[in-house]
Amino acid sequence: MFSAEDDQAGASPAEPEARSPVAGAEGWSFLPFDRNEETAERHITLERDDGVRVEMTLPSFVEQGDELSEIAQLVIRARERWRDLKGLGA
């Protein structure tokens, strides 16, 4: 018999249970984190409901959920601003 952890281990990023919503950023989710064993950095992918992805790498000491959400919100806002400016030909 498999545990709930076994089910999660095999989940692909596209599966809803492998995603975690970004607090304060409606329509955006964290995908499972990758960890660089050599540097202990975390590679984090954010995905919008329509499939747009943003990636970032953070040092290991950024580990609290509220800190991760704040940083994710900043990155998402920058991505949205970039998209809006790009649409204006800037």
PDB file of N, CA and C in Angstrom:
ATOM      1  N   MET A   1       0.841  -1.173   0.000  1.00  0.00           N
ATOM      2  CA  MET A   1       0.000   0.000   0.000  1.00  0.00           C
ATOM      3  C   MET A   1       0.892   1.244   0.000  1.00  0.00           C
ATOM      4  N   PHE A   2       0.471   2.296  -0.700  1.00  0.00           N
ATOM      5  CA  PHE A   2       1.240   3.524  -0.809  1.00  0.00           C
ATOM      6  C   PHE A   2       0.719   4.568   0.161  1.00  0.00           C
ATOM      7  N   SER A   3       1.629   5.388   0.640  1.00  0.00           N
ATOM      8  CA  SER A   3       1.236   6.495   1.527  1.00  0.00           C
ATOM      9  C   SER A   3       0.948   7.729   0.689  1.00  0.00           C
ATOM     10  N   ALA A   4       0.414   8.744   1.323  1.00  0.00           N
ATOM     11  CA  ALA A   4       0.161  10.016   0.636  1.00  0.00           C
ATOM     12  C   ALA A   4       1.466  10.615   0.134  1.00  0.00           C
ATOM     13  N   GLU A   5       2.568  10.403   0.882  1.00  0.00           N
ATOM     14  CA  GLU A   5       3.863  10.920   0.437  1.00  0.00           C
ATOM     15  C   GLU A   5       4.319  10.232  -0.834  1.00  0.00           C
ATOM     16  N   ASP A   6       4.050   8.947  -0.974  1.00  0.00           N
ATOM     17  CA  ASP A   6       4.413   8.232  -2.199  1.00  0.00           C
ATOM     18  C   ASP A   6       3.642   8.803  -3.384  1.00  0.00           C
ATOM     19  N   ASP A   7       2.372   9.120  -3.175  1.00  0.00           N
ATOM     20  CA  ASP A   7       1.575   9.701  -4.254  1.00  0.00           C
ATOM     21  C   ASP A   7       2.145  11.041  -4.676  1.00  0.00           C
ATOM     22  N   GLN A   8       2.562  11.878  -3.734  1.00  0.00           N
ATOM     23  CA  GLN A   8       3.114  13.185  -4.055  1.00  0.00           C
ATOM     24  C   GLN A   8       4.454  13.068  -4.756  1.00  0.00           C
ATOM     25  N   ALA A   9       5.255  12.095  -4.397  1.00  0.00           N
ATOM     26  CA  ALA A   9       6.594  11.956  -4.975  1.00  0.00           C
ATOM     27  C   ALA A   9       6.532  11.732  -6.474  1.00  0.00           C
ATOM     28  N   GLY A  10       5.486  11.082  -6.961  1.00  0.00           N
ATOM     29  CA  GLY A  10       5.378  10.811  -8.375  1.00  0.00           C
ATOM     30  C   GLY A  10       4.611  11.859  -9.149  1.00  0.00           C
ATOM     31  N   ALA A  11       4.148  12.884  -8.479  1.00  0.00           N
ATOM     32  CA  ALA A  11       3.320  13.895  -9.147  1.00  0.00           C
ATOM     33  C   ALA A  11       4.183  14.762 -10.055  1.00  0.00           C
ATOM     34  N   SER A  12       3.677  15.014 -11.252  1.00  0.00           N
ATOM     35  CA  SER A  12       4.379  15.913 -12.164  1.00  0.00           C
ATOM     36  C   SER A  12       3.950  17.342 -11.866  1.00  0.00           C
ATOM     37  N   PRO A  13       4.747  18.357 -12.256  1.00  0.00           N
ATOM     38  CA  PRO A  13       4.386  19.739 -11.964  1.00  0.00           C
ATOM     39  C   PRO A  13       3.032  20.144 -12.516  1.00  0.00           C
ATOM     40  N   ALA A  14       2.564  19.515 -13.558  1.00  0.00           N
ATOM     41  CA  ALA A  14       1.288  19.897 -14.157  1.00  0.00           C
ATOM     42  C   ALA A  14       0.097  19.403 -13.352  1.00  0.00           C
ATOM     43  N   GLU A  15       0.312  18.462 -12.458  1.00  0.00           N
ATOM     44  CA  GLU A  15      -0.782  17.916 -11.664  1.00  0.00           C
ATOM     45  C   GLU A  15      -1.149  18.898 -10.552  1.00  0.00           C
ATOM     46  N   PRO A  16      -2.450  19.145 -10.340  1.00  0.00           N
ATOM     47  CA  PRO A  16      -2.877  20.137  -9.348  1.00  0.00           C
ATOM     48  C   PRO A  16      -2.324  19.894  -7.948  1.00  0.00           C
ATOM     49  N   GLU A  17      -2.190  18.641  -7.509  1.00  0.00           N
ATOM     50  CA  GLU A  17      -1.720  18.390  -6.153  1.00  0.00           C
ATOM     51  C   GLU A  17      -0.237  18.703  -5.983  1.00  0.00           C
ATOM     52  N   ALA A  18       0.484  18.899  -7.064  1.00  0.00           N
ATOM     53  CA  ALA A  18       1.904  19.234  -6.997  1.00  0.00           C
ATOM     54  C   ALA A  18       2.104  20.749  -6.951  1.00  0.00           C
ATOM     55  N   ARG A  19       1.015  21.487  -6.954  1.00  0.00           N
ATOM     56  CA  ARG A  19       1.059  22.946  -6.977  1.00  0.00           C
ATOM     57  C   ARG A  19       0.618  23.504  -5.625  1.00  0.00           C
ATOM     58  N   SER A  20       1.123  24.678  -5.310  1.00  0.00           N
ATOM     59  CA  SER A  20       0.725  25.363  -4.091  1.00  0.00           C
ATOM     60  C   SER A  20       0.454  26.818  -4.449  1.00  0.00           C
ATOM     61  N   PRO A  21      -0.715  27.352  -4.136  1.00  0.00           N
ATOM     62  CA  PRO A  21      -1.029  28.738  -4.507  1.00  0.00           C
ATOM     63  C   PRO A  21      -0.060  29.735  -3.874  1.00  0.00           C
ATOM     64  N   VAL A  22       0.229  30.800  -4.608  1.00  0.00           N
ATOM     65  CA  VAL A  22       1.046  31.895  -4.079  1.00  0.00           C
ATOM     66  C   VAL A  22       0.097  32.845  -3.359  1.00  0.00           C
ATOM     67  N   ALA A  23       0.263  32.993  -2.059  1.00  0.00           N
ATOM     68  CA  ALA A  23      -0.589  33.898  -1.286  1.00  0.00           C
ATOM     69  C   ALA A  23      -0.459  35.315  -1.820  1.00  0.00           C
ATOM     70  N   GLY A  24      -1.586  35.967  -2.059  1.00  0.00           N
ATOM     71  CA  GLY A  24      -1.572  37.342  -2.529  1.00  0.00           C
ATOM     72  C   GLY A  24      -1.357  37.510  -4.018  1.00  0.00           C
ATOM     73  N   ALA A  25      -1.329  36.424  -4.764  1.00  0.00           N
ATOM     74  CA  ALA A  25      -1.126  36.499  -6.221  1.00  0.00           C
ATOM     75  C   ALA A  25      -2.111  35.532  -6.884  1.00  0.00           C
ATOM     76  N   GLU A  26      -3.332  35.991  -7.036  1.00  0.00           N
ATOM     77  CA  GLU A  26      -4.386  35.138  -7.583  1.00  0.00           C
ATOM     78  C   GLU A  26      -4.012  34.591  -8.958  1.00  0.00           C
ATOM     79  N   GLY A  27      -4.225  33.300  -9.128  1.00  0.00           N
ATOM     80  CA  GLY A  27      -3.953  32.658 -10.407  1.00  0.00           C
ATOM     81  C   GLY A  27      -2.534  32.140 -10.561  1.00  0.00           C
ATOM     82  N   TRP A  28      -1.678  32.353  -9.561  1.00  0.00           N
ATOM     83  CA  TRP A  28      -0.290  31.907  -9.605  1.00  0.00           C
ATOM     84  C   TRP A  28      -0.061  30.823  -8.563  1.00  0.00           C
ATOM     85  N   SER A  29       0.810  29.869  -8.899  1.00  0.00           N
ATOM     86  CA  SER A  29       1.131  28.772  -7.993  1.00  0.00           C
ATOM     87  C   SER A  29       2.628  28.496  -8.001  1.00  0.00           C
ATOM     88  N   PHE A  30       3.103  27.967  -6.876  1.00  0.00           N
ATOM     89  CA  PHE A  30       4.449  27.424  -6.806  1.00  0.00           C
ATOM     90  C   PHE A  30       4.393  26.006  -7.360  1.00  0.00           C
ATOM     91  N   LEU A  31       5.356  25.640  -8.176  1.00  0.00           N
ATOM     92  CA  LEU A  31       5.543  24.247  -8.556  1.00  0.00           C
ATOM     93  C   LEU A  31       6.544  23.659  -7.557  1.00  0.00           C
ATOM     94  N   PRO A  32       6.712  22.353  -7.523  1.00  0.00           N
ATOM     95  CA  PRO A  32       7.675  21.774  -6.566  1.00  0.00           C
ATOM     96  C   PRO A  32       9.066  22.397  -6.728  1.00  0.00           C
ATOM     97  N   PHE A  33       9.712  22.671  -5.606  1.00  0.00           N
ATOM     98  CA  PHE A  33      11.032  23.297  -5.603  1.00  0.00           C
ATOM     99  C   PHE A  33      12.104  22.275  -5.951  1.00  0.00           C
ATOM    100  N   ASP A  34      13.139  22.760  -6.617  1.00  0.00           N
ATOM    101  CA  ASP A  34      14.352  21.973  -6.842  1.00  0.00           C
ATOM    102  C   ASP A  34      15.426  22.558  -5.932  1.00  0.00           C
ATOM    103  N   ARG A  35      16.249  21.699  -5.357  1.00  0.00           N
ATOM    104  CA  ARG A  35      17.313  22.157  -4.466  1.00  0.00           C
ATOM    105  C   ARG A  35      18.661  21.748  -5.038  1.00  0.00           C
ATOM    106  N   ASN A  36      19.563  22.729  -5.119  1.00  0.00           N
ATOM    107  CA  ASN A  36      20.928  22.463  -5.544  1.00  0.00           C
ATOM    108  C   ASN A  36      21.677  21.959  -4.319  1.00  0.00           C
ATOM    109  N   GLU A  37      22.038  20.692  -4.324  1.00  0.00           N
ATOM    110  CA  GLU A  37      22.701  20.083  -3.161  1.00  0.00           C
ATOM    111  C   GLU A  37      24.062  20.713  -2.877  1.00  0.00           C
ATOM    112  N   GLU A  38      24.736  21.182  -3.901  1.00  0.00           N
ATOM    113  CA  GLU A  38      26.068  21.765  -3.730  1.00  0.00           C
ATOM    114  C   GLU A  38      26.018  23.124  -3.034  1.00  0.00           C
ATOM    115  N   THR A  39      25.068  23.968  -3.439  1.00  0.00           N
ATOM    116  CA  THR A  39      24.981  25.324  -2.895  1.00  0.00           C
ATOM    117  C   THR A  39      23.840  25.502  -1.899  1.00  0.00           C
ATOM    118  N   ALA A  40      22.932  24.539  -1.835  1.00  0.00           N
ATOM    119  CA  ALA A  40      21.726  24.577  -0.988  1.00  0.00           C
ATOM    120  C   ALA A  40      20.725  25.624  -1.464  1.00  0.00           C
ATOM    121  N   GLU A  41      20.942  26.207  -2.634  1.00  0.00           N
ATOM    122  CA  GLU A  41      19.981  27.164  -3.188  1.00  0.00           C
ATOM    123  C   GLU A  41      18.718  26.431  -3.627  1.00  0.00           C
ATOM    124  N   ARG A  42      17.624  27.172  -3.648  1.00  0.00           N
ATOM    125  CA  ARG A  42      16.353  26.625  -4.118  1.00  0.00           C
ATOM    126  C   ARG A  42      16.012  27.254  -5.461  1.00  0.00           C
ATOM    127  N   HIS A  43      15.725  26.407  -6.428  1.00  0.00           N
ATOM    128  CA  HIS A  43      15.245  26.875  -7.730  1.00  0.00           C
ATOM    129  C   HIS A  43      13.730  26.751  -7.678  1.00  0.00           C
ATOM    130  N   ILE A  44      13.061  27.877  -7.846  1.00  0.00           N
ATOM    131  CA  ILE A  44      11.610  27.929  -7.682  1.00  0.00           C
ATOM    132  C   ILE A  44      10.966  28.344  -8.992  1.00  0.00           C
ATOM    133  N   THR A  45       9.943  27.607  -9.381  1.00  0.00           N
ATOM    134  CA  THR A  45       9.171  27.933 -10.573  1.00  0.00           C
ATOM    135  C   THR A  45       7.775  28.333 -10.137  1.00  0.00           C
ATOM    136  N   LEU A  46       7.330  29.475 -10.664  1.00  0.00           N
ATOM    137  CA  LEU A  46       5.976  29.965 -10.449  1.00  0.00           C
ATOM    138  C   LEU A  46       5.219  29.771 -11.750  1.00  0.00           C
ATOM    139  N   GLU A  47       3.966  29.370 -11.670  1.00  0.00           N
ATOM    140  CA  GLU A  47       3.190  29.168 -12.887  1.00  0.00           C
ATOM    141  C   GLU A  47       1.822  29.826 -12.738  1.00  0.00           C
ATOM    142  N   ARG A  48       1.458  30.581 -13.769  1.00  0.00           N
ATOM    143  CA  ARG A  48       0.138  31.198 -13.819  1.00  0.00           C
ATOM    144  C   ARG A  48      -0.849  30.180 -14.372  1.00  0.00           C
ATOM    145  N   ASP A  49      -2.122  30.344 -14.082  1.00  0.00           N
ATOM    146  CA  ASP A  49      -3.145  29.391 -14.511  1.00  0.00           C
ATOM    147  C   ASP A  49      -3.136  29.130 -16.015  1.00  0.00           C
ATOM    148  N   ASP A  50      -2.687  30.106 -16.810  1.00  0.00           N
ATOM    149  CA  ASP A  50      -2.669  29.928 -18.266  1.00  0.00           C
ATOM    150  C   ASP A  50      -1.367  29.296 -18.770  1.00  0.00           C
ATOM    151  N   GLY A  51      -0.474  28.885 -17.847  1.00  0.00           N
ATOM    152  CA  GLY A  51       0.749  28.189 -18.241  1.00  0.00           C
ATOM    153  C   GLY A  51       2.000  29.040 -18.289  1.00  0.00           C
ATOM    154  N   VAL A  52       1.882  30.361 -18.129  1.00  0.00           N
ATOM    155  CA  VAL A  52       3.059  31.231 -18.109  1.00  0.00           C
ATOM    156  C   VAL A  52       3.893  30.880 -16.884  1.00  0.00           C
ATOM    157  N   ARG A  53       5.195  30.748 -17.081  1.00  0.00           N
ATOM    158  CA  ARG A  53       6.098  30.379 -15.980  1.00  0.00           C
ATOM    159  C   ARG A  53       7.164  31.431 -15.754  1.00  0.00           C
ATOM    160  N   VAL A  54       7.537  31.569 -14.494  1.00  0.00           N
ATOM    161  CA  VAL A  54       8.622  32.448 -14.067  1.00  0.00           C
ATOM    162  C   VAL A  54       9.500  31.613 -13.144  1.00  0.00           C
ATOM    163  N   GLU A  55      10.816  31.744 -13.300  1.00  0.00           N
ATOM    164  CA  GLU A  55      11.741  30.970 -12.479  1.00  0.00           C
ATOM    165  C   GLU A  55      12.654  31.901 -11.705  1.00  0.00           C
ATOM    166  N   MET A  56      13.018  31.465 -10.503  1.00  0.00           N
ATOM    167  CA  MET A  56      13.944  32.238  -9.678  1.00  0.00           C
ATOM    168  C   MET A  56      14.748  31.283  -8.810  1.00  0.00           C
ATOM    169  N   THR A  57      15.905  31.738  -8.385  1.00  0.00           N
ATOM    170  CA  THR A  57      16.757  30.960  -7.492  1.00  0.00           C
ATOM    171  C   THR A  57      16.992  31.786  -6.243  1.00  0.00           C
ATOM    172  N   LEU A  58      16.786  31.163  -5.089  1.00  0.00           N
ATOM    173  CA  LEU A  58      16.930  31.854  -3.811  1.00  0.00           C
ATOM    174  C   LEU A  58      17.925  31.123  -2.927  1.00  0.00           C
ATOM    175  N   PRO A  59      18.615  31.868  -2.052  1.00  0.00           N
ATOM    176  CA  PRO A  59      19.539  31.220  -1.127  1.00  0.00           C
ATOM    177  C   PRO A  59      18.777  30.372  -0.113  1.00  0.00           C
ATOM    178  N   SER A  60      19.474  29.432   0.496  1.00  0.00           N
ATOM    179  CA  SER A  60      18.849  28.483   1.412  1.00  0.00           C
ATOM    180  C   SER A  60      18.231  29.146   2.638  1.00  0.00           C
ATOM    181  N   PHE A  61      18.748  30.305   3.049  1.00  0.00           N
ATOM    182  CA  PHE A  61      18.221  30.934   4.258  1.00  0.00           C
ATOM    183  C   PHE A  61      16.852  31.587   4.044  1.00  0.00           C
ATOM    184  N   VAL A  62      16.412  31.720   2.801  1.00  0.00           N
ATOM    185  CA  VAL A  62      15.049  32.192   2.538  1.00  0.00           C
ATOM    186  C   VAL A  62      14.169  30.951   2.529  1.00  0.00           C
ATOM    187  N   GLU A  63      13.528  30.701   3.678  1.00  0.00           N
ATOM    188  CA  GLU A  63      12.799  29.442   3.804  1.00  0.00           C
ATOM    189  C   GLU A  63      11.401  29.578   4.397  1.00  0.00           C
ATOM    190  N   GLN A  64      11.085  30.714   4.987  1.00  0.00           N
ATOM    191  CA  GLN A  64       9.772  30.906   5.592  1.00  0.00           C
ATOM    192  C   GLN A  64       8.719  31.156   4.520  1.00  0.00           C
ATOM    193  N   GLY A  65       7.544  30.573   4.710  1.00  0.00           N
ATOM    194  CA  GLY A  65       6.477  30.696   3.728  1.00  0.00           C
ATOM    195  C   GLY A  65       6.105  32.130   3.407  1.00  0.00           C
ATOM    196  N   ASP A  66       6.042  32.991   4.437  1.00  0.00           N
ATOM    197  CA  ASP A  66       5.675  34.385   4.187  1.00  0.00           C
ATOM    198  C   ASP A  66       6.757  35.106   3.384  1.00  0.00           C
ATOM    199  N   GLU A  67       8.033  34.784   3.638  1.00  0.00           N
ATOM    200  CA  GLU A  67       9.126  35.383   2.867  1.00  0.00           C
ATOM    201  C   GLU A  67       9.066  34.932   1.414  1.00  0.00           C
ATOM    202  N   LEU A  68       8.858  33.650   1.209  1.00  0.00           N
ATOM    203  CA  LEU A  68       8.767  33.118  -0.157  1.00  0.00           C
ATOM    204  C   LEU A  68       7.609  33.757  -0.907  1.00  0.00           C
ATOM    205  N   SER A  69       6.474  33.916  -0.246  1.00  0.00           N
ATOM    206  CA  SER A  69       5.313  34.533  -0.898  1.00  0.00           C
ATOM    207  C   SER A  69       5.572  35.992  -1.253  1.00  0.00           C
ATOM    208  N   GLU A  70       6.217  36.735  -0.346  1.00  0.00           N
ATOM    209  CA  GLU A  70       6.528  38.145  -0.624  1.00  0.00           C
ATOM    210  C   GLU A  70       7.450  38.270  -1.828  1.00  0.00           C
ATOM    211  N   ILE A  71       8.493  37.458  -1.868  1.00  0.00           N
ATOM    212  CA  ILE A  71       9.434  37.502  -2.986  1.00  0.00           C
ATOM    213  C   ILE A  71       8.726  37.088  -4.274  1.00  0.00           C
ATOM    214  N   ALA A  72       7.912  36.049  -4.199  1.00  0.00           N
ATOM    215  CA  ALA A  72       7.166  35.602  -5.381  1.00  0.00           C
ATOM    216  C   ALA A  72       6.258  36.713  -5.887  1.00  0.00           C
ATOM    217  N   GLN A  73       5.589  37.425  -4.984  1.00  0.00           N
ATOM    218  CA  GLN A  73       4.713  38.529  -5.389  1.00  0.00           C
ATOM    219  C   GLN A  73       5.491  39.615  -6.120  1.00  0.00           C
ATOM    220  N   LEU A  74       6.684  39.952  -5.626  1.00  0.00           N
ATOM    221  CA  LEU A  74       7.529  40.960  -6.284  1.00  0.00           C
ATOM    222  C   LEU A  74       7.918  40.509  -7.689  1.00  0.00           C
ATOM    223  N   VAL A  75       8.326  39.258  -7.814  1.00  0.00           N
ATOM    224  CA  VAL A  75       8.736  38.725  -9.118  1.00  0.00           C
ATOM    225  C   VAL A  75       7.536  38.706 -10.071  1.00  0.00           C
ATOM    226  N   ILE A  76       6.386  38.303  -9.587  1.00  0.00           N
ATOM    227  CA  ILE A  76       5.172  38.268 -10.417  1.00  0.00           C
ATOM    228  C   ILE A  76       4.798  39.669 -10.876  1.00  0.00           C
ATOM    229  N   ARG A  77       4.844  40.649  -9.962  1.00  0.00           N
ATOM    230  CA  ARG A  77       4.530  42.031 -10.359  1.00  0.00           C
ATOM    231  C   ARG A  77       5.501  42.532 -11.423  1.00  0.00           C
ATOM    232  N   ALA A  78       6.777  42.227 -11.260  1.00  0.00           N
ATOM    233  CA  ALA A  78       7.775  42.641 -12.255  1.00  0.00           C
ATOM    234  C   ALA A  78       7.488  41.976 -13.599  1.00  0.00           C
ATOM    235  N   ARG A  79       7.119  40.703 -13.575  1.00  0.00           N
ATOM    236  CA  ARG A  79       6.798  39.977 -14.816  1.00  0.00           C
ATOM    237  C   ARG A  79       5.593  40.590 -15.498  1.00  0.00           C
ATOM    238  N   GLU A  80       4.548  40.925 -14.729  1.00  0.00           N
ATOM    239  CA  GLU A  80       3.343  41.530 -15.297  1.00  0.00           C
ATOM    240  C   GLU A  80       3.650  42.917 -15.871  1.00  0.00           C
ATOM    241  N   ARG A  81       4.457  43.700 -15.160  1.00  0.00           N
ATOM    242  CA  ARG A  81       4.839  45.027 -15.653  1.00  0.00           C
ATOM    243  C   ARG A  81       5.637  44.894 -16.949  1.00  0.00           C
ATOM    244  N   TRP A  82       6.565  43.959 -16.983  1.00  0.00           N
ATOM    245  CA  TRP A  82       7.373  43.733 -18.191  1.00  0.00           C
ATOM    246  C   TRP A  82       6.474  43.383 -19.376  1.00  0.00           C
ATOM    247  N   ARG A  83       5.506  42.498 -19.128  1.00  0.00           N
ATOM    248  CA  ARG A  83       4.587  42.100 -20.194  1.00  0.00           C
ATOM    249  C   ARG A  83       3.783  43.302 -20.690  1.00  0.00           C
ATOM    250  N   ASP A  84       3.299  44.128 -19.750  1.00  0.00           N
ATOM    251  CA  ASP A  84       2.517  45.288 -20.131  1.00  0.00           C
ATOM    252  C   ASP A  84       3.347  46.290 -20.931  1.00  0.00           C
ATOM    253  N   LEU A  85       4.599  46.516 -20.508  1.00  0.00           N
ATOM    254  CA  LEU A  85       5.479  47.445 -21.234  1.00  0.00           C
ATOM    255  C   LEU A  85       5.864  46.886 -22.602  1.00  0.00           C
ATOM    256  N   LYS A  86       6.104  45.587 -22.657  1.00  0.00           N
ATOM    257  CA  LYS A  86       6.444  44.950 -23.923  1.00  0.00           C
ATOM    258  C   LYS A  86       5.299  45.095 -24.928  1.00  0.00           C
ATOM    259  N   GLY A  87       4.074  45.024 -24.442  1.00  0.00           N
ATOM    260  CA  GLY A  87       2.893  45.196 -25.295  1.00  0.00           C
ATOM    261  C   GLY A  87       2.762  46.594 -25.851  1.00  0.00           C
ATOM    262  N   LEU A  88       3.377  47.575 -25.163  1.00  0.00           N
ATOM    263  CA  LEU A  88       3.335  48.964 -25.620  1.00  0.00           C
ATOM    264  C   LEU A  88       4.488  49.289 -26.561  1.00  0.00           C
ATOM    265  N   GLY A  89       5.369  48.324 -26.787  1.00  0.00           N
ATOM    266  CA  GLY A  89       6.524  48.541 -27.656  1.00  0.00           C
ATOM    267  C   GLY A  89       7.654  49.230 -26.964  1.00  0.00           C
ATOM    268  N   ALA A  90       7.645  49.272 -25.641  1.00  0.00           N
ATOM    269  CA  ALA A  90       8.703  49.946 -24.883  1.00  0.00           C
ATOM    270  C   ALA A  90       9.955  49.095 -24.844  1.00  0.00           C
TER     271      ALA A  90
END
